Amino acid sequence: MELDQLGGGAVLNAIIIGYRHDLHVDFIKTYDAEAPEEYGNPVDYVGSLSPDGSSIIGVWSLLEFDGRFEMYREIGAAEKIEETISATVDF
């Protein structure tokens, strides 16, 4: 979940497209059409996945701006996703 840090604090939705090779990750985040105009440009992320898969550390870039980032997986998140995927739906 990401909140609008520039105005209002609304929840922002985005699409992430990228890849992972071994412990290297590279992805682009593009905010959806409902995001404020200030979020109109995609953000590029490049980083390294921890050996246990619980975190990513790297750099982001957006136009002429860049910085470092750290992402941490919520404990139990993978299990929740797996439970959701394996749920059976009867028609």
Protein backbone atom coordinates (compact mmCIF):
# COMPACT_ATOMS: atom_id res chain seq x y z
CA MET A 1 0.00 0.00 0.00
CA GLU A 2 1.30 3.44 -0.88
CA LEU A 3 -0.13 6.74 0.30
CA ASP A 4 -0.11 10.00 -1.66
CA GLN A 5 2.72 11.92 0.01
CA LEU A 6 2.14 15.06 -2.07
CA GLY A 7 -1.42 15.85 -1.13
CA GLY A 8 -4.19 14.31 0.86
CA GLY A 9 -2.80 10.92 1.84
CA ALA A 10 -5.13 8.90 -0.41
CA VAL A 11 -4.14 5.35 -1.32
CA LEU A 12 -2.37 5.18 -4.69
CA ASN A 13 -2.69 2.24 -7.08
CA ALA A 14 0.06 1.27 -9.52
CA ILE A 15 1.11 -1.44 -11.93
CA ILE A 16 4.54 -3.01 -11.50
CA ILE A 17 6.27 -4.73 -14.41
CA GLY A 18 9.75 -6.17 -14.22
CA TYR A 19 11.88 -9.22 -13.69
CA ARG A 20 14.09 -11.07 -11.24
CA HIS A 21 17.21 -13.01 -12.15
CA ASP A 22 18.81 -14.82 -9.22
CA LEU A 23 18.99 -12.06 -6.59
CA HIS A 24 18.82 -9.12 -9.05
CA VAL A 25 15.52 -7.26 -9.53
CA ASP A 26 14.58 -4.55 -12.02
CA PHE A 27 11.06 -3.18 -12.30
CA ILE A 28 9.05 -0.12 -13.31
CA LYS A 29 6.12 1.23 -11.29
CA THR A 30 3.46 3.15 -13.20
CA TYR A 31 0.62 4.78 -11.28
CA ASP A 32 -2.91 4.29 -12.60
CA ALA A 33 -4.94 7.00 -14.35
CA GLU A 34 -6.73 7.99 -11.12
CA ALA A 35 -3.47 9.11 -9.43
CA PRO A 36 -2.79 12.84 -9.18
CA GLU A 37 -0.97 14.45 -12.13
CA GLU A 38 2.27 14.62 -10.13
CA TYR A 39 2.45 10.80 -10.32
CA GLY A 40 2.28 10.72 -14.14
CA ASN A 41 5.84 9.49 -14.78
CA PRO A 42 6.99 5.90 -14.17
CA VAL A 43 9.55 5.12 -11.47
CA ASP A 44 12.41 2.71 -12.25
CA TYR A 45 13.74 0.45 -9.48
CA VAL A 46 16.92 -1.67 -9.55
CA GLY A 47 18.08 -3.68 -6.56
CA SER A 48 19.11 -6.88 -4.86
CA LEU A 49 16.86 -9.42 -3.21
CA SER A 50 18.04 -10.81 0.12
CA PRO A 51 18.92 -14.54 0.07
CA ASP A 52 15.83 -15.36 2.18
CA GLY A 53 13.54 -13.29 -0.09
CA SER A 54 12.37 -11.03 2.73
CA SER A 55 13.77 -7.71 1.50
CA ILE A 56 15.01 -5.72 -1.49
CA ILE A 57 17.58 -2.93 -1.28
CA GLY A 58 18.43 -0.74 -4.26
CA VAL A 59 18.04 2.56 -6.07
CA TRP A 60 15.08 4.27 -7.74
CA SER A 61 15.04 6.90 -10.46
CA LEU A 62 12.36 9.29 -11.67
CA LEU A 63 13.26 11.84 -14.35
CA GLU A 64 16.26 13.73 -12.91
CA PHE A 65 15.66 12.47 -9.36
CA ASP A 66 17.00 9.32 -7.72
CA GLY A 67 17.54 7.79 -4.32
CA ARG A 68 17.88 4.61 -2.32
CA PHE A 69 15.03 2.35 -1.26
CA GLU A 70 14.43 -0.61 1.02
CA MET A 71 11.41 -2.93 0.83
CA TYR A 72 10.50 -5.51 3.42
CA ARG A 73 8.03 -8.34 2.96
CA GLU A 74 5.32 -8.48 5.60
CA ILE A 75 5.75 -11.58 7.73
CA GLY A 76 3.24 -14.16 6.57
CA ALA A 77 2.47 -12.31 3.32
CA ALA A 78 3.62 -15.19 1.11
CA GLU A 79 1.41 -17.61 3.00
CA LYS A 80 -1.60 -15.29 2.62
CA ILE A 81 -1.01 -15.04 -1.13
CA GLU A 82 -0.64 -18.79 -1.43
CA GLU A 83 -3.87 -19.32 0.51
CA THR A 84 -5.67 -16.89 -1.81
CA ILE A 85 -4.32 -18.56 -4.95
CA SER A 86 -5.16 -22.05 -3.78
CA ALA A 87 -8.72 -21.16 -2.77
CA THR A 88 -11.38 -23.06 -4.69
CA VAL A 89 -14.31 -21.25 -6.26
CA ASP A 90 -17.45 -23.21 -7.06
CA PHE A 91 -19.71 -22.05 -9.89
